[in-house]
Amino acid sequence: MTVTAIVGANWGDEGKGKMTDVLAAQSSYVVRFQGGSNAGHTIINDYGKFSLHMLPSGVFYPNITNIIGPGTALDMDVLLKELQELEARNVPKPNLFISERAQVVLPIHRLLDELEEERLGARGFGSTKRGIAPFYADKYAKLGIQVADLFHPHRLRVRLQQLLDIKNVQLQHLYGRDPLSVDEMVDQLLEPFQYLTSYIKDTTTMLQQAYIKGDPILVEGQLGALRDPDHGIYPFSTSSSTLAGYAPVGAGLPPYAISNVIAVVKAYSSCVGAGPFVTELHGDEADELRRRGGDAGEYGATTGRPRRMGWFDTVATRYGCMVQGATEAVLTNLDVLGYLDDIPVCVGYELEDGSILDHFPVTADLQSARPVLRTLKGWKCDLSDIRSFEELPEAAQQYVQFVESSIGVPIKTISVGPRRDQIMMRS
């Protein structure tokens, strides 16, 4: 009975999409268990390059069952666009199911997200403006709309009116906008829903039965450990738990189901959005790393924003692997660093009072922390065609071994390019 969680160890952008795509080939089910369309997983395969925001990363395998679980924030408009894109690019129709217990991102959630970020201005949190924070706020305020509600128009109208009683006050008196009507919202929801009804299912029972049968299940996380609202850089976090510990809840599996947690780690640091980022680079140094990173440079898959760039952070990554409960790690983008003579890495944080930390502190202390750097030797060559660890240059092997010893988790997979085949396995 194998359930594997694949999750990020840092701020997101570690390369989880590619690794989920690779590991999906060995799975019967791939499950999204949290988050919504506010982050993207970039996948390159025989069909081309894709950025998935709602669809699970197993959709390119016709034999795999893909599930959007009850813990997700379902954006029906984004999901429909992604399904249409797959069809337009001749990808076979995916085997997809949506939990009837998942809740729906409403147009008003996206509107409120945008209005609030505009109101905050420079004090904003770097929101993707996909409605995620208002969505989860309403979910836990018991104002949310479940997918199952869309099958019952009278119940839907009652639920929406309850929501609008509060939201229209915000729109009018905080943001100076016109109130919305229930009729308008019902139309906005039922139009896309009519195309998705065949995908709706009791996915919790489906996965519980699959688990009992011993079918291999891959649960796919969004963003990374440092964006978790409880254990990350709050309030510069997302609004749902990004940790593997939440995966059984968000997927609909027993709490003891997960036997393997794979933390994806990038060979350097990057992030999109606001918040403390201790190893951040600026100017030409950041631009060069950004330009070389990934298949088309380091730009957010959802927003297109240039990612903030930094050197590898042992403090943050060790902490991320710890709170994820990682049993193994994947190191991605090792090839990107091949242009450097020497490679700085962060081995500690210096605080305002001069003290040095080797553990990840709370956000209040992070704001003023400076990196303590150590320099490792670069390998100055292209790694993209290498397929075994033993064939890597000695300096590259030493870099991998340093990262592994620093994070305390065995690195069993190394990625040296964006394609499926550009990986190597370590015993």
Protein backbone atom coordinates (compact mmCIF):
# COMPACT_ATOMS: atom_id res chain seq x y z
CA MET A 1 0.00 0.00 0.00
CA THR A 2 2.12 2.87 -1.33
CA VAL A 3 1.20 6.52 -0.96
CA THR A 4 3.95 8.98 -1.86
CA ALA A 5 3.80 12.71 -1.21
CA ILE A 6 5.84 15.03 -3.39
CA VAL A 7 6.24 18.45 -1.81
CA GLY A 8 8.43 21.55 -1.86
CA ALA A 9 11.15 22.20 0.71
CA ASN A 10 11.40 25.95 0.15
CA TRP A 11 9.20 28.79 -1.16
CA GLY A 12 7.78 26.88 -4.13
CA ASP A 13 9.29 26.91 -7.65
CA GLU A 14 11.49 23.92 -6.81
CA GLY A 15 10.49 21.84 -9.85
CA LYS A 16 7.75 19.69 -8.31
CA GLY A 17 5.74 19.57 -11.56
CA LYS A 18 8.47 17.86 -13.53
CA MET A 19 9.16 15.35 -10.77
CA THR A 20 5.45 14.61 -10.32
CA ASP A 21 5.22 14.05 -14.06
CA VAL A 22 8.18 11.62 -13.88
CA LEU A 23 6.91 9.74 -10.81
CA ALA A 24 3.34 9.62 -12.12
CA ALA A 25 4.45 6.98 -14.61
CA GLN A 26 4.73 4.56 -11.67
CA SER A 27 1.38 5.56 -10.09
CA SER A 28 -2.27 4.67 -10.51
CA TYR A 29 -3.55 7.94 -9.01
CA VAL A 30 -2.20 11.50 -8.88
CA VAL A 31 -3.98 13.78 -6.39
CA ARG A 32 -3.98 17.54 -5.81
CA PHE A 33 -4.63 17.98 -2.08
CA GLN A 34 -4.43 21.75 -1.42
CA GLY A 35 -4.18 25.17 -3.00
CA GLY A 36 -5.74 26.36 -6.21
CA SER A 37 -4.70 28.13 -9.39
CA ASN A 38 -2.29 30.43 -7.54
CA ALA A 39 0.77 28.38 -8.43
CA GLY A 40 1.82 26.54 -11.55
CA HIS A 41 3.65 23.32 -12.30
CA THR A 42 5.66 23.49 -15.52
CA ILE A 43 5.93 20.23 -17.45
CA ILE A 44 7.81 19.51 -20.69
CA ASN A 45 7.02 16.28 -22.52
CA ASP A 46 6.41 14.92 -26.03
CA TYR A 47 3.31 17.12 -26.36
CA GLY A 48 5.23 20.33 -25.62
CA LYS A 49 5.55 22.67 -22.65
CA PHE A 50 2.63 23.14 -20.26
CA SER A 51 1.95 25.18 -17.13
CA LEU A 52 -0.70 23.45 -15.02
CA HIS A 53 -2.50 25.46 -12.34
CA MET A 54 -5.57 23.34 -11.49
CA LEU A 55 -4.98 20.02 -13.21
CA PRO A 56 -2.91 17.36 -11.43
CA SER A 57 0.45 16.66 -13.06
CA GLY A 58 -0.53 13.13 -14.08
CA VAL A 59 -2.90 14.23 -16.85
CA PHE A 60 -0.46 13.37 -19.62
CA TYR A 61 -0.76 9.65 -18.84
CA PRO A 62 -4.11 8.28 -20.09
CA ASN A 63 -3.93 5.27 -17.75
CA ILE A 64 -3.67 7.40 -14.58
CA THR A 65 -6.63 8.60 -12.54
CA ASN A 66 -6.17 12.28 -11.65
CA ILE A 67 -8.06 13.71 -8.68
CA ILE A 68 -8.73 17.23 -7.47
CA GLY A 69 -9.26 16.54 -3.78
CA PRO A 70 -11.55 18.07 -1.16
CA GLY A 71 -8.75 20.24 0.23
CA THR A 72 -8.29 22.20 -2.99
CA ALA A 73 -9.62 25.57 -4.08
CA LEU A 74 -11.40 24.70 -7.32
CA ASP A 75 -11.28 27.46 -9.93
CA MET A 76 -13.67 26.14 -12.57
CA ASP A 77 -12.76 28.77 -15.16
CA VAL A 78 -9.06 27.95 -14.99
CA LEU A 79 -9.75 24.22 -15.02
CA LEU A 80 -11.89 24.50 -18.16
CA LYS A 81 -9.22 26.54 -19.94
CA GLU A 82 -6.59 23.92 -19.11
CA LEU A 83 -8.79 21.07 -20.34
CA GLN A 84 -9.44 22.98 -23.56
CA GLU A 85 -5.71 23.61 -24.02
CA LEU A 86 -4.94 19.90 -23.66
CA GLU A 87 -7.55 19.10 -26.29
CA ALA A 88 -6.28 21.82 -28.64
CA ARG A 89 -2.75 20.43 -28.38
CA ASN A 90 -3.86 16.83 -29.06
CA VAL A 91 -3.30 15.51 -25.55
CA PRO A 92 -5.68 12.58 -24.94
CA LYS A 93 -8.59 13.44 -22.65
CA PRO A 94 -7.35 12.90 -19.08
CA ASN A 95 -8.96 10.52 -16.65
CA LEU A 96 -10.02 13.21 -14.16
CA PHE A 97 -12.32 13.39 -11.15
CA ILE A 98 -13.22 16.31 -8.90
CA SER A 99 -14.23 15.81 -5.28
CA GLU A 100 -17.85 16.68 -4.61
CA ARG A 101 -16.59 18.11 -1.30
CA ALA A 102 -14.08 20.50 -2.88
CA GLN A 103 -15.02 24.14 -2.53
CA VAL A 104 -15.28 26.62 -5.39
CA VAL A 105 -13.31 29.81 -5.93
CA LEU A 106 -15.96 32.43 -6.68
CA PRO A 107 -15.52 35.43 -8.98
CA ILE A 108 -15.98 37.65 -5.93
CA HIS A 109 -12.98 35.96 -4.30
CA ARG A 110 -10.77 37.01 -7.20
CA LEU A 111 -12.24 40.52 -7.12
CA LEU A 112 -11.68 40.94 -3.39
CA ASP A 113 -8.14 39.59 -3.66
CA GLU A 114 -7.29 42.18 -6.30
CA LEU A 115 -8.98 45.05 -4.47
CA GLU A 116 -7.26 44.26 -1.19
CA GLU A 117 -3.83 43.99 -2.77
CA GLU A 118 -4.42 47.37 -4.45
CA ARG A 119 -5.54 48.88 -1.13
CA LEU A 120 -2.44 47.61 0.65
CA GLY A 121 -0.07 48.88 -2.03
CA ALA A 122 3.53 48.59 -0.86
CA ARG A 123 2.30 46.76 2.27
CA GLY A 124 0.86 43.93 0.16
CA PHE A 125 1.75 40.25 0.46
CA GLY A 126 2.58 39.62 -3.18
CA SER A 127 -0.74 37.92 -3.91
CA THR A 128 -1.25 36.21 -7.27
CA LYS A 129 -4.77 37.73 -7.21
CA ARG A 130 -6.34 34.33 -7.87
CA GLY A 131 -8.74 34.71 -4.94
CA ILE A 132 -7.03 32.21 -2.67
CA ALA A 133 -6.91 34.16 0.62
CA PRO A 134 -10.59 35.29 0.39
CA PHE A 135 -11.53 31.74 -0.62
CA TYR A 136 -9.94 30.09 2.41
CA ALA A 137 -11.18 32.85 4.71
CA ASP A 138 -14.74 32.09 3.59
CA LYS A 139 -14.17 28.35 3.83
CA TYR A 140 -13.26 28.58 7.48
CA ALA A 141 -15.93 31.18 8.15
CA LYS A 142 -18.40 28.54 6.84
CA LEU A 143 -19.46 30.77 3.96
CA GLY A 144 -17.95 28.63 1.19
CA ILE A 145 -19.70 26.86 -1.66
CA GLN A 146 -19.04 23.16 -2.10
CA VAL A 147 -19.11 21.57 -5.55
CA ALA A 148 -22.08 19.49 -4.40
CA ASP A 149 -24.06 22.70 -3.75
CA LEU A 150 -24.05 23.43 -7.47
CA PHE A 151 -26.37 20.47 -8.05
CA HIS A 152 -29.01 22.12 -5.81
CA PRO A 153 -29.98 25.59 -7.14
CA HIS A 154 -32.19 26.56 -4.19
CA ARG A 155 -29.48 25.66 -1.66
CA LEU A 156 -26.91 27.44 -3.81
CA ARG A 157 -28.95 30.67 -3.83
CA VAL A 158 -29.44 30.56 -0.05
CA ARG A 159 -25.71 29.99 0.50
CA LEU A 160 -24.72 32.78 -1.90
CA GLN A 161 -27.11 35.24 -0.28
CA GLN A 162 -25.57 34.46 3.11
CA LEU A 163 -22.16 35.19 1.62
CA LEU A 164 -23.24 38.39 -0.13
CA ASP A 165 -24.80 39.82 3.00
CA ILE A 166 -21.25 40.25 4.24
CA LYS A 167 -19.30 40.75 1.02
CA ASN A 168 -21.48 43.55 -0.31
CA VAL A 169 -20.79 45.56 2.84
CA GLN A 170 -17.07 45.18 2.12
CA LEU A 171 -17.46 46.07 -1.54
CA GLN A 172 -19.50 49.20 -0.87
CA HIS A 173 -17.96 50.61 2.29
CA LEU A 174 -14.33 49.48 2.11
CA TYR A 175 -13.66 49.46 -1.62
CA GLY A 176 -16.34 51.83 -2.95
CA ARG A 177 -17.74 49.28 -5.41
CA ASP A 178 -21.29 48.42 -6.43
CA PRO A 179 -22.93 45.46 -4.66
CA LEU A 180 -23.33 42.14 -6.44
CA SER A 181 -26.55 40.18 -6.91
CA VAL A 182 -27.26 36.52 -6.28
CA ASP A 183 -28.62 36.10 -9.82
CA GLU A 184 -25.36 37.36 -11.27
CA MET A 185 -23.29 34.98 -9.15
CA VAL A 186 -25.49 31.96 -9.89
CA ASP A 187 -25.04 32.54 -13.62
CA GLN A 188 -21.27 32.92 -13.21
CA LEU A 189 -21.08 29.56 -11.45
CA LEU A 190 -23.54 27.41 -13.35
CA GLU A 191 -22.17 28.29 -16.78
CA PRO A 192 -18.77 26.61 -16.29
CA PHE A 193 -20.24 23.95 -14.00
CA GLN A 194 -22.36 22.47 -16.78
CA TYR A 195 -19.17 21.37 -18.54
CA LEU A 196 -17.71 19.75 -15.42
CA THR A 197 -20.62 17.72 -14.02
CA SER A 198 -19.35 14.44 -15.49
CA TYR A 199 -16.10 14.83 -13.53
CA ILE A 200 -17.73 15.17 -10.09
CA LYS A 201 -17.42 12.15 -7.83
CA ASP A 202 -17.02 10.92 -4.26
CA THR A 203 -13.25 10.84 -4.61
CA THR A 204 -12.68 10.15 -0.91
CA THR A 205 -14.32 6.72 -1.17
CA MET A 206 -12.49 6.11 -4.45
CA LEU A 207 -9.09 6.81 -2.89
CA GLN A 208 -9.82 4.92 0.32
CA GLN A 209 -10.69 1.85 -1.75
CA ALA A 210 -7.61 2.29 -3.92
CA TYR A 211 -5.46 2.53 -0.80
CA ILE A 212 -6.93 -0.68 0.62
CA LYS A 213 -6.25 -2.44 -2.70
CA GLY A 214 -2.64 -1.29 -2.60
CA ASP A 215 -2.75 0.87 -5.71
CA PRO A 216 0.20 3.31 -5.89
CA ILE A 217 -1.00 6.85 -5.15
CA LEU A 218 0.97 10.07 -5.63
CA VAL A 219 -0.23 13.15 -3.72
CA GLU A 220 1.01 16.40 -5.20
CA GLY A 221 1.69 19.49 -3.11
CA GLN A 222 1.64 23.10 -4.24
CA LEU A 223 4.20 25.75 -3.25
CA GLY A 224 6.68 24.83 -0.51
CA ALA A 225 7.18 24.41 3.22
CA LEU A 226 8.18 28.04 3.76
CA ARG A 227 4.83 29.24 2.41
CA ASP A 228 2.90 27.18 4.96
CA PRO A 229 0.66 29.42 7.13
CA ASP A 230 1.71 27.66 10.35
CA HIS A 231 5.35 26.79 9.79
CA GLY A 232 6.39 29.21 7.04
CA ILE A 233 7.12 32.94 6.72
CA TYR A 234 3.67 34.06 7.87
CA PRO A 235 2.02 36.39 6.90
CA PHE A 236 3.89 36.11 3.58
CA SER A 237 2.45 32.65 3.16
CA THR A 238 -0.28 30.94 1.24
CA SER A 239 -3.64 30.21 2.87
CA SER A 240 -3.59 26.39 3.00
CA SER A 241 -1.09 23.97 4.47
CA THR A 242 1.68 23.09 2.03
CA LEU A 243 2.96 20.23 4.19
CA ALA A 244 2.83 16.51 3.55
CA GLY A 245 1.13 16.15 6.93
CA TYR A 246 -1.95 17.83 5.46
CA ALA A 247 -2.01 15.59 2.37
CA PRO A 248 -4.17 12.82 3.89
CA VAL A 249 -6.74 15.42 4.94
CA GLY A 250 -6.79 17.30 1.66
CA ALA A 251 -6.81 14.15 -0.43
CA GLY A 252 -9.20 12.06 1.66
CA LEU A 253 -6.86 9.31 2.89
CA PRO A 254 -6.13 7.82 6.33
CA PRO A 255 -3.61 9.83 8.38
CA TYR A 256 -1.19 6.89 8.42
CA ALA A 257 -1.35 6.30 4.66
CA ILE A 258 1.75 8.18 3.49
CA SER A 259 4.85 5.99 3.49
CA ASN A 260 7.24 8.18 1.52
CA VAL A 261 7.69 11.97 1.47
CA ILE A 262 9.82 13.31 -1.37
CA ALA A 263 11.00 16.87 -0.81
CA VAL A 264 11.99 18.73 -3.95
CA VAL A 265 15.02 20.98 -3.45
CA LYS A 266 16.52 23.39 -6.00
CA ALA A 267 20.30 23.72 -6.36
CA TYR A 268 19.90 27.46 -5.68
CA SER A 269 17.05 29.54 -4.24
CA SER A 270 14.17 31.33 -5.93
CA CYS A 271 10.75 32.61 -4.97
CA VAL A 272 7.85 34.69 -6.22
CA GLY A 273 6.06 37.05 -3.87
CA ALA A 274 6.84 39.22 -0.89
CA GLY A 275 8.50 38.30 2.38
CA PRO A 276 11.99 37.79 3.84
CA PHE A 277 14.45 36.03 1.53
CA VAL A 278 17.81 35.94 3.24
CA THR A 279 20.06 34.88 0.34
CA GLU A 280 18.45 37.22 -2.22
CA LEU A 281 20.66 38.51 -5.01
CA HIS A 282 20.22 41.77 -6.89
CA GLY A 283 21.35 43.43 -10.10
CA ASP A 284 23.43 41.62 -12.72
CA GLU A 285 24.18 38.67 -10.44
CA ALA A 286 20.47 37.94 -9.99
CA ASP A 287 19.69 38.60 -13.66
CA GLU A 288 22.32 36.12 -14.83
CA LEU A 289 21.08 33.33 -12.57
CA ARG A 290 17.47 34.10 -13.48
CA ARG A 291 18.23 34.04 -17.20
CA ARG A 292 19.99 30.69 -17.00
CA GLY A 293 17.48 29.05 -14.67
CA GLY A 294 15.05 26.46 -15.98
CA ASP A 295 13.88 25.99 -19.57
CA ALA A 296 13.01 29.63 -20.22
CA GLY A 297 14.45 31.43 -17.23
CA GLU A 298 13.12 31.93 -13.72
CA TYR A 299 9.69 33.51 -14.12
CA GLY A 300 6.55 32.61 -12.18
CA ALA A 301 4.43 29.99 -13.95
CA THR A 302 1.25 31.71 -12.76
CA THR A 303 2.08 35.41 -12.78
CA GLY A 304 4.98 35.63 -15.20
CA ARG A 305 6.75 37.78 -12.61
CA PRO A 306 10.57 37.54 -12.46
CA ARG A 307 11.47 35.27 -9.58
CA ARG A 308 13.61 36.60 -6.79
CA MET A 309 16.95 34.77 -6.93
CA GLY A 310 19.40 33.65 -4.28
CA TRP A 311 22.08 31.11 -3.43
CA PHE A 312 21.27 27.74 -1.91
CA ASP A 313 20.13 28.17 1.70
CA THR A 314 21.06 25.24 3.95
CA VAL A 315 19.21 26.74 6.93
CA ALA A 316 15.88 27.18 5.15
CA THR A 317 16.10 23.89 3.23
CA ARG A 318 17.02 21.79 6.26
CA TYR A 319 14.04 23.29 8.10
CA GLY A 320 11.75 22.75 5.11
CA CYS A 321 12.73 19.09 4.85
CA MET A 322 12.23 18.68 8.60
CA VAL A 323 8.69 20.08 8.72
CA GLN A 324 7.77 18.15 5.58
CA GLY A 325 8.99 14.94 7.22
CA ALA A 326 11.06 14.19 4.12
CA THR A 327 12.24 10.62 3.68
CA GLU A 328 14.22 11.51 0.55
CA ALA A 329 15.00 14.52 -1.60
CA VAL A 330 15.18 15.44 -5.27
CA LEU A 331 17.79 18.04 -6.25
CA THR A 332 16.73 20.01 -9.33
CA ASN A 333 18.46 22.50 -11.66
CA LEU A 334 21.98 21.35 -10.84
CA ASP A 335 22.92 22.06 -14.46
CA VAL A 336 22.07 25.77 -14.11
CA LEU A 337 25.09 26.44 -11.88
CA GLY A 338 27.60 25.26 -14.50
CA TYR A 339 28.62 28.80 -15.46
CA LEU A 340 30.13 29.66 -12.07
CA ASP A 341 33.78 29.42 -11.03
CA ASP A 342 32.79 29.43 -7.38
CA ILE A 343 29.35 28.83 -5.87
CA PRO A 344 28.33 30.58 -2.64
CA VAL A 345 25.97 28.76 -0.28
CA CYS A 346 24.31 30.04 2.87
CA VAL A 347 25.31 28.10 6.01
CA GLY A 348 23.88 30.39 8.70
CA TYR A 349 21.99 33.60 9.48
CA GLU A 350 23.51 36.59 11.22
CA LEU A 351 20.98 38.59 13.25
CA GLU A 352 21.04 42.28 14.17
CA ASP A 353 22.66 41.57 17.52
CA GLY A 354 25.51 39.71 15.81
CA SER A 355 24.40 36.24 16.85
CA ILE A 356 24.62 33.44 14.28
CA LEU A 357 21.74 31.01 13.76
CA ASP A 358 21.91 27.62 12.08
CA HIS A 359 18.16 27.03 12.53
CA PHE A 360 15.27 28.74 10.74
CA PRO A 361 13.77 31.51 12.92
CA VAL A 362 10.36 33.19 13.04
CA THR A 363 9.51 35.89 10.50
CA ALA A 364 10.22 38.75 12.92
CA ASP A 365 13.88 37.66 13.11
CA LEU A 366 14.15 36.79 9.43
CA GLN A 367 13.40 40.36 8.37
CA SER A 368 16.83 41.60 9.41
CA ALA A 369 18.88 38.39 8.98
CA ARG A 370 21.93 38.37 6.71
CA PRO A 371 23.43 35.25 5.12
CA VAL A 372 26.61 33.65 6.35
CA LEU A 373 28.16 32.37 3.13
CA ARG A 374 30.59 29.59 2.32
CA THR A 375 32.07 29.11 -1.16
CA LEU A 376 32.21 25.79 -2.98
CA LYS A 377 34.14 25.08 -6.17
CA GLY A 378 32.22 25.24 -9.45
CA TRP A 379 32.52 22.65 -12.26
CA LYS A 380 32.36 25.01 -15.27
CA CYS A 381 30.78 22.60 -17.75
CA ASP A 382 27.44 21.42 -19.13
CA LEU A 383 25.74 18.61 -17.18
CA SER A 384 22.57 18.29 -19.26
CA ASP A 385 23.57 15.08 -21.06
CA ILE A 386 24.91 13.25 -18.00
CA ARG A 387 22.69 10.43 -16.68
CA SER A 388 24.65 8.94 -13.78
CA PHE A 389 26.03 10.46 -10.61
CA GLU A 390 29.42 8.83 -11.13
CA GLU A 391 29.82 10.65 -14.46
CA LEU A 392 29.36 14.08 -12.89
CA PRO A 393 32.50 16.21 -12.47
CA GLU A 394 34.03 15.85 -9.03
CA ALA A 395 33.06 19.39 -8.04
CA ALA A 396 29.41 18.71 -8.96
CA GLN A 397 29.45 15.48 -6.97
CA GLN A 398 30.88 17.37 -4.00
CA TYR A 399 28.16 20.01 -4.31
CA VAL A 400 25.45 17.34 -4.20
CA GLN A 401 27.12 15.66 -1.23
CA PHE A 402 27.39 18.99 0.58
CA VAL A 403 23.69 19.73 0.05
CA GLU A 404 22.78 16.22 1.18
CA SER A 405 24.82 16.45 4.38
CA SER A 406 23.47 19.95 5.07
CA ILE A 407 19.79 19.04 4.83
CA GLY A 408 20.07 15.65 6.53
CA VAL A 409 17.99 13.85 3.89
CA PRO A 410 19.32 11.46 1.23
CA ILE A 411 19.24 12.90 -2.30
CA LYS A 412 18.09 9.99 -4.42
CA THR A 413 17.27 11.86 -7.64
CA ILE A 414 19.08 14.66 -9.46
CA SER A 415 17.65 16.71 -12.31
CA VAL A 416 19.95 18.28 -14.91
CA GLY A 417 17.38 19.78 -17.28
CA PRO A 418 13.68 20.38 -17.85
CA ARG A 419 12.87 17.21 -19.82
CA ARG A 420 11.59 13.95 -18.35
CA ASP A 421 14.75 12.07 -19.31
CA GLN A 422 17.18 14.58 -17.79
CA ILE A 423 17.38 12.91 -14.41
CA MET A 424 19.72 10.53 -12.66
CA MET A 425 19.01 8.19 -9.76
CA ARG A 426 21.29 7.52 -6.81
CA SER A 427 21.15 4.39 -4.74
